[in-house]
Amino acid sequence: MKRFILFFIATSYAIFTLQAQQPQTYTLKSCLEYGLQNNYSLRITRNEEQVSKNNATLGNAGYLPTLDLSTGYTGTLDNTNAKVRSTGEHVKENGVFNQAMNASIGLDWTLFDGFNITTNYKKLQELKRQGETNTRLAIENLIADITAEYYNYVQQKIRLNNFRYAVSLSKERLRIVEERYHIGSFSRLDYQQAKVDFNADSAQYMKQQELLHTSRIRLNELMANKDVDRPIIIQDTLINVNATLSFKELLNRTMQTNASLIKAEQNNTLARLDYKKVISRDYPYLKLNSSYGYTLNKYETGTNIRRGDLGLDLGVTLGFNLFDGNRRRERRNARISIQNAHLEHEQLEQSLLADLNNLWQAYQNNLQLLNLERQNLVSAKENHEIAMERYMLGNLSGIEMREAQKSLLDAEERILSAEYDTKLCEISLLQISGEITKYAE
């Protein structure tokens, strides 16, 4: 029975391990869903947003009073020497032990503080909104990173297939040359050159496997998969480019919804609120203080043996800060902070416009280049087919055949690079215009 249990456990573990190692199929949408749910950096940003929400309360701003419960005990042990006024008699007592005990509830409430409390609450609310903006920025950056790496993986996969095809062509050429070399149709130089080309293509194929492996690890890392080396299968086999973007729409969306611009405006608001906090000290303040408690005193000498007091204390404090030495400096610095926040907003707006125009130009150029390379690929394939026919008939040298093969592979590489570069431009344009979340829809 014991052996059966051990066999069952071992078998179950082996099945579980085998299932865990099975590659999982992903689409771009599923990659994004998994990453948005599990990515560590995004989860940290969301926690920071929650902290800003927790801080945006009336109590944290200072609107609510504070209520304290306190209790205390004191004891004194004295030697007394007193002179009675009426008789002039000296009375000495040693080891007089007096005790006092108290318990009270105290309430302190700032009723007015020069609009400082109101400004505090507005600042906390603005920080809450900025926490939401930071989360949005983190989401958009993560979507852009995962999308770019997803299509990079597709690119590396296509390139690996191209190199595999190149190896097969070189292998077939080596086979033909080897057969003709043995019957004397080709020289040893032709044979050695074909062998060198085959080894070179094989080395490229092996190097490409490493690049594909690196991309897979990066994609798993962005999705926060526990096993970063987990095998995956990407459903897409082509890089589909969106050629219908409109510059006017992208420009309008950038100026209206770009998250970095929204955050810069929030920083501007926070700077103005900090200035209001400084000038709030020019106003008087009004505070309410009250307590309700019981005090018990015990005496070893005197008329009373003990005395207890139970009652309510109530007071109002009205004050005005005349001089604190720093107010003028802080006011000047607060004004400078407002100016800097405004300048940073304008600088960011200009930088976004520059990036948008550069990306749009690159996007347009890549689209034109992509169309051109697609035409070149058709010509390169036809050229390679003609070269192969002539090579099989012995009318073409090995070097010329290699050049035709290389032209085909170069054309495939250029069109692949053009597709990926265009896709990166598309991703950046959508990110800068705040439309990057469309990939997750």
Protein backbone atom coordinates (compact mmCIF):
# COMPACT_ATOMS: atom_id res chain seq x y z
CA MET A 1 0.00 0.00 0.00
CA LYS A 2 2.83 2.35 0.89
CA ARG A 3 4.54 1.67 -2.45
CA PHE A 4 1.29 2.38 -4.27
CA ILE A 5 0.92 5.76 -2.49
CA LEU A 6 4.50 6.73 -3.35
CA PHE A 7 3.95 5.66 -6.95
CA PHE A 8 0.73 7.69 -7.13
CA ILE A 9 2.45 10.80 -5.70
CA ALA A 10 5.37 10.48 -8.08
CA THR A 11 3.07 9.98 -11.06
CA SER A 12 0.90 12.95 -10.09
CA TYR A 13 3.96 15.16 -9.68
CA ALA A 14 5.30 14.10 -13.08
CA ILE A 15 1.96 14.86 -14.74
CA PHE A 16 1.77 18.25 -13.00
CA THR A 17 5.31 19.12 -14.03
CA LEU A 18 4.61 18.10 -17.61
CA GLN A 19 1.48 20.22 -17.70
CA ALA A 20 3.33 23.17 -16.20
CA GLN A 21 5.93 22.97 -18.94
CA GLN A 22 3.37 22.94 -21.73
CA PRO A 23 3.62 26.17 -23.76
CA GLN A 24 0.69 28.54 -23.41
CA THR A 25 -0.86 30.26 -26.42
CA TYR A 26 -1.15 34.04 -26.20
CA THR A 27 -2.78 36.78 -28.21
CA LEU A 28 -1.82 40.40 -27.75
CA LYS A 29 -5.00 40.99 -25.76
CA SER A 30 -4.37 38.06 -23.42
CA CYS A 31 -0.77 39.21 -22.87
CA LEU A 32 -2.03 42.67 -21.95
CA GLU A 33 -4.74 41.32 -19.64
CA TYR A 34 -2.27 39.09 -17.84
CA GLY A 35 0.33 41.87 -17.57
CA LEU A 36 -2.15 44.49 -16.34
CA GLN A 37 -3.26 42.09 -13.64
CA ASN A 38 0.10 40.80 -12.44
CA ASN A 39 2.92 43.20 -13.38
CA TYR A 40 4.80 44.11 -10.20
CA SER A 41 5.57 47.74 -11.04
CA LEU A 42 1.93 48.41 -11.90
CA ARG A 43 0.74 46.77 -8.68
CA ILE A 44 3.10 49.00 -6.69
CA THR A 45 1.77 52.10 -8.49
CA ARG A 46 -1.81 51.03 -7.75
CA ASN A 47 -0.94 50.63 -4.07
CA GLU A 48 0.54 54.13 -4.08
CA GLU A 49 -2.70 55.39 -5.64
CA GLN A 50 -4.64 53.74 -2.84
CA VAL A 51 -2.43 55.50 -0.29
CA SER A 52 -3.26 58.88 -1.88
CA LYS A 53 -6.96 57.98 -1.73
CA ASN A 54 -6.66 57.00 1.94
CA ASN A 55 -4.98 60.33 2.70
CA ALA A 56 -7.70 62.45 1.05
CA THR A 57 -9.94 62.72 4.12
CA LEU A 58 -11.38 65.57 6.16
CA GLY A 59 -9.58 64.34 9.24
CA ASN A 60 -6.18 64.28 7.54
CA ALA A 61 -6.77 67.82 6.28
CA GLY A 62 -7.48 69.07 9.84
CA TYR A 63 -11.23 69.66 9.62
CA LEU A 64 -12.06 67.31 12.51
CA PRO A 65 -11.25 67.77 16.20
CA THR A 66 -8.88 65.59 18.20
CA LEU A 67 -10.14 63.72 21.26
CA ASP A 68 -7.70 62.45 23.87
CA LEU A 69 -8.23 60.29 26.94
CA SER A 70 -5.61 60.75 29.62
CA THR A 71 -5.02 59.62 33.17
CA GLY A 72 -2.24 60.31 35.62
CA TYR A 73 -0.96 59.77 39.11
CA THR A 74 1.52 61.77 41.20
CA GLY A 75 2.83 61.20 44.67
CA THR A 76 4.96 63.49 46.84
CA LEU A 77 6.95 62.61 49.94
CA ASP A 78 8.06 65.75 51.83
CA ASN A 79 9.42 66.97 55.13
CA THR A 80 7.55 70.17 56.04
CA ASN A 81 8.50 73.04 58.35
CA ALA A 82 5.72 75.57 58.80
CA LYS A 83 5.28 78.61 61.06
CA VAL A 84 1.75 79.41 62.23
CA ARG A 85 1.01 83.11 61.65
CA SER A 86 -1.26 83.59 64.63
CA THR A 87 0.89 81.94 67.31
CA GLY A 88 4.35 81.96 65.75
CA GLU A 89 4.62 78.25 66.50
CA HIS A 90 6.85 76.10 64.31
CA VAL A 91 5.26 72.88 63.10
CA LYS A 92 7.53 70.19 61.66
CA GLU A 93 6.32 67.04 59.94
CA ASN A 94 8.47 64.39 58.31
CA GLY A 95 7.49 61.85 55.65
CA VAL A 96 4.32 63.63 54.54
CA PHE A 97 2.93 61.58 51.63
CA ASN A 98 0.39 63.41 49.40
CA GLN A 99 -1.23 61.81 46.33
CA ALA A 100 -3.06 63.11 43.28
CA MET A 101 -4.93 61.08 40.64
CA ASN A 102 -6.74 62.37 37.57
CA ALA A 103 -8.59 61.15 34.49
CA SER A 104 -9.99 63.34 31.73
CA ILE A 105 -11.21 63.52 28.15
CA GLY A 106 -9.83 66.46 26.19
CA LEU A 107 -11.09 67.90 22.90
CA ASP A 108 -9.04 70.26 20.72
CA TRP A 109 -10.55 71.74 17.56
CA THR A 110 -9.10 74.30 15.17
CA LEU A 111 -12.12 76.30 14.06
CA PHE A 112 -10.25 78.64 11.73
CA ASP A 113 -6.66 78.61 10.53
CA GLY A 114 -6.50 81.20 7.79
CA PHE A 115 -7.98 78.84 5.14
CA ASN A 116 -5.02 76.52 5.70
CA ILE A 117 -7.29 73.56 6.46
CA THR A 118 -9.39 74.16 3.34
CA THR A 119 -6.23 74.38 1.25
CA ASN A 120 -4.90 71.18 2.82
CA TYR A 121 -8.06 69.33 1.84
CA LYS A 122 -7.90 70.64 -1.74
CA LYS A 123 -4.25 69.58 -1.95
CA LEU A 124 -5.05 66.07 -0.71
CA GLN A 125 -7.82 65.79 -3.28
CA GLU A 126 -5.42 66.94 -6.02
CA LEU A 127 -2.82 64.41 -4.86
CA LYS A 128 -5.53 61.76 -5.05
CA ARG A 129 -6.22 62.73 -8.67
CA GLN A 130 -2.51 62.74 -9.39
CA GLY A 131 -2.28 59.22 -7.97
CA GLU A 132 -4.91 58.17 -10.50
CA THR A 133 -2.92 59.91 -13.26
CA ASN A 134 0.25 58.11 -12.19
CA THR A 135 -1.59 54.80 -12.41
CA ARG A 136 -2.85 55.72 -15.87
CA LEU A 137 0.71 56.57 -16.94
CA ALA A 138 1.96 53.25 -15.59
CA ILE A 139 -0.82 51.38 -17.42
CA GLU A 140 -0.09 53.14 -20.71
CA ASN A 141 3.66 52.52 -20.39
CA LEU A 142 3.07 48.85 -19.61
CA ILE A 143 0.68 48.43 -22.56
CA ALA A 144 3.26 50.05 -24.85
CA ASP A 145 6.08 47.85 -23.49
CA ILE A 146 4.10 44.61 -23.77
CA THR A 147 2.79 45.47 -27.25
CA ALA A 148 6.26 46.36 -28.50
CA GLU A 149 7.77 43.19 -27.03
CA TYR A 150 4.90 41.07 -28.34
CA TYR A 151 5.56 42.22 -31.90
CA ASN A 152 9.30 41.95 -31.31
CA TYR A 153 8.72 38.29 -30.47
CA VAL A 154 6.69 37.93 -33.68
CA GLN A 155 9.53 39.62 -35.56
CA GLN A 156 12.18 37.35 -34.04
CA LYS A 157 10.01 34.31 -34.80
CA ILE A 158 9.63 35.32 -38.47
CA ARG A 159 13.35 36.03 -38.69
CA LEU A 160 14.08 32.60 -37.24
CA ASN A 161 11.91 31.02 -39.94
CA ASN A 162 13.76 33.04 -42.59
CA PHE A 163 17.11 31.83 -41.29
CA ARG A 164 15.80 28.28 -41.17
CA TYR A 165 14.82 28.65 -44.81
CA ALA A 166 18.28 30.06 -45.58
CA VAL A 167 19.87 27.01 -43.92
CA SER A 168 17.69 24.70 -46.00
CA LEU A 169 18.72 26.51 -49.20
CA SER A 170 22.39 26.34 -48.25
CA LYS A 171 22.04 22.68 -47.34
CA GLU A 172 20.47 21.87 -50.69
CA ARG A 173 23.17 23.81 -52.50
CA LEU A 174 25.85 21.96 -50.51
CA ARG A 175 24.25 18.64 -51.46
CA ILE A 176 24.25 19.54 -55.17
CA VAL A 177 27.83 20.80 -55.09
CA GLU A 178 29.01 17.74 -53.17
CA GLU A 179 27.45 15.36 -55.69
CA ARG A 180 28.88 17.25 -58.67
CA TYR A 181 32.24 17.59 -56.97
CA HIS A 182 32.52 13.80 -56.65
CA ILE A 183 31.75 13.34 -60.35
CA GLY A 184 34.13 16.13 -61.31
CA SER A 185 31.62 18.76 -62.46
CA PHE A 186 32.53 21.22 -59.69
CA SER A 187 35.91 22.14 -58.22
CA ARG A 188 36.96 21.70 -54.63
CA LEU A 189 36.79 25.49 -54.28
CA ASP A 190 33.06 25.38 -55.13
CA TYR A 191 32.57 22.64 -52.57
CA GLN A 192 34.44 24.50 -49.82
CA GLN A 193 32.59 27.76 -50.55
CA ALA A 194 29.20 26.01 -50.33
CA LYS A 195 30.27 24.45 -47.04
CA VAL A 196 31.38 27.83 -45.65
CA ASP A 197 28.07 29.42 -46.65
CA PHE A 198 26.13 26.57 -45.05
CA ASN A 199 28.05 26.94 -41.78
CA ALA A 200 27.57 30.72 -41.82
CA ASP A 201 23.81 30.35 -42.26
CA SER A 202 23.69 27.73 -39.50
CA ALA A 203 25.54 30.07 -37.15
CA GLN A 204 23.07 32.87 -37.90
CA TYR A 205 20.21 30.50 -37.21
CA MET A 206 21.69 29.56 -33.83
CA LYS A 207 22.23 33.21 -32.92
CA GLN A 208 18.65 34.00 -33.85
CA GLN A 209 17.42 31.27 -31.50
CA GLU A 210 19.19 33.14 -28.68
CA LEU A 211 17.48 36.44 -29.62
CA LEU A 212 14.08 34.72 -29.72
CA HIS A 213 14.78 33.22 -26.29
CA THR A 214 15.68 36.67 -24.91
CA SER A 215 12.45 38.16 -26.24
CA ARG A 216 10.43 35.35 -24.69
CA ILE A 217 12.01 35.96 -21.28
CA ARG A 218 11.32 39.68 -21.54
CA LEU A 219 7.68 39.08 -22.44
CA ASN A 220 7.26 36.68 -19.52
CA GLU A 221 8.87 39.24 -17.24
CA LEU A 222 6.49 42.00 -18.33
CA MET A 223 3.54 39.68 -17.71
CA ALA A 224 5.06 38.77 -14.30
CA ASN A 225 5.03 35.05 -15.02
CA LYS A 226 6.71 33.20 -12.16
CA ASP A 227 8.74 31.16 -14.62
CA VAL A 228 10.35 33.77 -16.86
CA ASP A 229 11.68 31.01 -19.13
CA ARG A 230 8.25 29.53 -19.66
CA PRO A 231 7.64 28.42 -23.28
CA ILE A 232 4.96 30.45 -25.03
CA ILE A 233 3.17 30.34 -28.35
CA ILE A 234 2.21 33.61 -30.01
CA GLN A 235 -0.95 33.37 -32.07
CA ASP A 236 0.03 36.12 -34.52
CA THR A 237 2.41 35.16 -37.30
CA LEU A 238 2.49 38.56 -39.04
CA ILE A 239 3.03 42.15 -37.96
CA ASN A 240 -0.18 43.91 -38.92
CA VAL A 241 0.37 47.64 -39.38
CA ASN A 242 -2.37 50.24 -38.99
CA ALA A 243 -1.94 52.59 -41.94
CA THR A 244 -5.07 54.69 -41.24
CA LEU A 245 -3.83 57.00 -38.45
CA SER A 246 -4.69 60.69 -38.81
CA PHE A 247 -2.23 63.38 -37.71
CA LYS A 248 -5.00 65.90 -36.94
CA GLU A 249 -6.80 63.46 -34.65
CA LEU A 250 -3.54 62.46 -32.96
CA LEU A 251 -2.66 66.12 -32.36
CA ASN A 252 -6.06 66.94 -30.84
CA ARG A 253 -5.98 63.87 -28.61
CA THR A 254 -2.43 64.65 -27.46
CA MET A 255 -3.34 68.17 -26.38
CA GLN A 256 -6.52 67.01 -24.63
CA THR A 257 -5.82 63.65 -23.06
CA ASN A 258 -2.06 63.09 -22.80
CA ALA A 259 -1.45 61.79 -19.27
CA SER A 260 1.88 63.59 -18.85
CA LEU A 261 0.24 66.92 -19.72
CA ILE A 262 -2.55 66.23 -17.24
CA LYS A 263 0.03 65.47 -14.55
CA ALA A 264 1.92 68.69 -15.36
CA GLU A 265 -1.31 70.67 -14.94
CA GLN A 266 -1.90 68.93 -11.62
CA ASN A 267 1.61 69.94 -10.53
CA ASN A 268 0.68 73.51 -11.46
CA THR A 269 -2.41 73.29 -9.25
CA LEU A 270 -0.38 71.86 -6.36
CA ALA A 271 2.11 74.73 -6.63
CA ARG A 272 -0.73 77.28 -6.39
CA LEU A 273 -2.16 75.48 -3.36
CA ASP A 274 1.26 75.52 -1.67
CA TYR A 275 1.31 79.31 -2.18
CA LYS A 276 -2.14 79.59 -0.56
CA LYS A 277 -0.87 77.60 2.42
CA VAL A 278 1.93 80.13 2.90
CA ILE A 279 -0.31 83.20 2.75
CA SER A 280 -2.87 81.54 5.06
CA ARG A 281 -0.55 82.38 7.95
CA ASP A 282 -1.35 86.06 7.41
CA TYR A 283 -4.76 85.40 8.98
CA PRO A 284 -5.59 84.85 12.64
CA TYR A 285 -6.41 81.45 14.04
CA LEU A 286 -9.22 80.34 16.34
CA LYS A 287 -9.04 77.17 18.46
CA LEU A 288 -11.44 75.50 20.84
CA ASN A 289 -10.07 73.62 23.87
CA SER A 290 -12.19 71.66 26.29
CA SER A 291 -11.81 68.83 28.78
CA TYR A 292 -14.00 66.89 31.14
CA GLY A 293 -12.37 65.01 33.98
CA TYR A 294 -12.07 63.98 37.59
CA THR A 295 -9.21 64.80 39.96
CA LEU A 296 -8.65 63.16 43.36
CA ASN A 297 -6.13 64.54 45.92
CA LYS A 298 -5.19 62.80 49.17
CA TYR A 299 -3.45 64.74 51.95
CA GLU A 300 -1.72 63.47 55.10
CA THR A 301 -1.74 66.93 56.68
CA GLY A 302 -3.98 69.94 56.62
CA THR A 303 -7.67 70.49 57.06
CA ASN A 304 -8.82 68.10 54.31
CA ILE A 305 -7.91 64.45 54.16
CA ARG A 306 -9.03 64.14 50.55
CA ARG A 307 -10.59 66.25 47.85
CA GLY A 308 -12.25 65.26 44.55
CA ASP A 309 -13.11 67.56 41.63
CA LEU A 310 -15.36 66.61 38.69
CA GLY A 311 -16.11 69.14 36.00
CA LEU A 312 -15.82 70.66 32.53
CA ASP A 313 -13.14 73.05 31.36
CA LEU A 314 -13.82 75.10 28.24
CA GLY A 315 -11.63 77.64 26.51
CA VAL A 316 -11.26 79.50 23.22
CA THR A 317 -7.93 80.71 21.86
CA LEU A 318 -7.68 83.51 19.34
CA GLY A 319 -4.21 84.25 18.04
CA PHE A 320 -2.21 85.89 15.29
CA ASN A 321 1.30 85.11 14.20
CA LEU A 322 3.15 88.42 14.05
CA PHE A 323 6.53 87.23 12.81
CA ASP A 324 8.14 83.86 12.18
CA GLY A 325 11.21 84.88 10.20
CA ASN A 326 10.50 82.69 7.15
CA ARG A 327 7.23 83.92 5.73
CA ARG A 328 8.62 86.27 3.10
CA ARG A 329 11.19 83.74 1.92
CA GLU A 330 8.59 80.97 1.66
CA ARG A 331 6.21 83.27 -0.20
CA ARG A 332 8.86 84.19 -2.76
CA ASN A 333 9.82 80.54 -3.22
CA ALA A 334 6.16 79.56 -3.61
CA ARG A 335 5.74 82.12 -6.38
CA ILE A 336 8.83 80.75 -8.12
CA SER A 337 7.43 77.23 -7.82
CA ILE A 338 4.24 78.37 -9.58
CA GLN A 339 6.32 79.89 -12.39
CA ASN A 340 8.40 76.73 -12.72
CA ALA A 341 5.31 74.53 -12.83
CA HIS A 342 3.88 76.70 -15.60
CA LEU A 343 7.17 76.65 -17.53
CA GLU A 344 7.44 72.87 -17.15
CA HIS A 345 3.93 72.49 -18.54
CA GLU A 346 4.81 74.61 -21.57
CA GLN A 347 8.10 72.79 -22.03
CA LEU A 348 6.37 69.42 -21.90
CA GLU A 349 3.75 70.59 -24.39
CA GLN A 350 6.47 71.69 -26.80
CA SER A 351 8.37 68.43 -26.30
CA LEU A 352 5.25 66.38 -27.01
CA LEU A 353 4.58 68.35 -30.18
CA ALA A 354 8.16 67.75 -31.32
CA ASP A 355 7.92 64.03 -30.56
CA LEU A 356 4.56 63.78 -32.29
CA ASN A 357 5.86 65.43 -35.46
CA ASN A 358 9.02 63.30 -35.50
CA LEU A 359 7.06 60.10 -34.94
CA TRP A 360 4.54 61.03 -37.62
CA GLN A 361 7.30 61.67 -40.14
CA ALA A 362 8.95 58.35 -39.28
CA TYR A 363 5.56 56.62 -39.49
CA GLN A 364 4.89 58.05 -42.97
CA ASN A 365 8.39 57.19 -44.21
CA ASN A 366 8.17 53.65 -42.89
CA LEU A 367 4.82 53.13 -44.60
CA GLN A 368 6.31 54.20 -47.92
CA LEU A 369 9.40 52.11 -47.30
CA LEU A 370 7.22 49.12 -46.46
CA ASN A 371 5.35 49.38 -49.77
CA LEU A 372 8.64 49.66 -51.63
CA GLU A 373 10.15 46.66 -49.86
CA ARG A 374 7.10 44.55 -50.61
CA GLN A 375 7.66 45.22 -54.30
CA ASN A 376 11.37 44.41 -53.91
CA LEU A 377 10.51 41.12 -52.26
CA VAL A 378 8.50 40.02 -55.29
CA SER A 379 11.45 40.82 -57.56
CA ALA A 380 13.92 39.10 -55.22
CA LYS A 381 11.85 35.90 -55.16
CA GLU A 382 11.58 35.85 -58.94
CA ASN A 383 15.32 36.52 -59.28
CA HIS A 384 16.11 33.66 -56.90
CA GLU A 385 13.90 31.21 -58.82
CA ILE A 386 15.63 32.10 -62.11
CA ALA A 387 19.04 31.80 -60.47
CA MET A 388 18.19 28.38 -59.05
CA GLU A 389 17.10 27.11 -62.48
CA ARG A 390 20.33 28.34 -64.11
CA TYR A 391 22.38 26.94 -61.23
CA MET A 392 20.79 23.51 -61.61
CA LEU A 393 21.67 23.62 -65.33
CA GLY A 394 25.26 24.61 -64.54
CA ASN A 395 24.95 28.03 -66.14
CA LEU A 396 25.50 29.96 -62.90
CA SER A 397 28.45 29.95 -60.52
CA GLY A 398 28.17 29.25 -56.82
CA ILE A 399 29.07 32.84 -55.94
CA GLU A 400 26.33 34.19 -58.20
CA MET A 401 23.86 31.71 -56.71
CA ARG A 402 24.87 32.85 -53.24
CA GLU A 403 24.31 36.47 -54.22
CA ALA A 404 20.80 35.68 -55.45
CA GLN A 405 20.07 33.84 -52.21
CA LYS A 406 21.48 36.71 -50.15
CA SER A 407 19.38 39.24 -52.09
CA LEU A 408 16.25 37.28 -51.23
CA LEU A 409 17.13 37.03 -47.55
CA ASP A 410 18.06 40.72 -47.41
CA ALA A 411 14.73 41.67 -48.99
CA GLU A 412 12.87 39.56 -46.41
CA GLU A 413 14.93 41.13 -43.61
CA ARG A 414 14.29 44.68 -44.83
CA ILE A 415 10.55 44.18 -45.11
CA LEU A 416 10.47 42.62 -41.63
CA SER A 417 12.43 45.52 -40.16
CA ALA A 418 10.18 48.02 -41.95
CA GLU A 419 7.06 46.33 -40.56
CA TYR A 420 8.39 46.33 -37.01
CA ASP A 421 9.67 49.92 -37.21
CA THR A 422 6.29 51.05 -38.51
CA LYS A 423 4.57 49.19 -35.69
CA LEU A 424 6.81 50.88 -33.12
CA CYS A 425 5.92 54.27 -34.58
CA GLU A 426 2.25 53.34 -34.44
CA ILE A 427 2.57 52.28 -30.77
CA SER A 428 4.39 55.50 -29.85
CA LEU A 429 1.84 57.68 -31.66
CA LEU A 430 -1.05 56.02 -29.87
CA GLN A 431 0.76 56.28 -26.54
CA ILE A 432 1.55 59.97 -26.89
CA SER A 433 -2.06 60.70 -27.87
CA GLY A 434 -3.49 58.70 -24.96
CA GLU A 435 -5.04 56.06 -27.24
CA ILE A 436 -2.69 53.19 -26.39
CA THR A 437 -5.40 51.36 -24.40
CA LYS A 438 -7.08 50.45 -27.70
CA TYR A 439 -4.72 47.49 -27.89
CA ALA A 440 -6.31 46.07 -24.74
CA GLU A 441 -9.90 46.40 -26.03
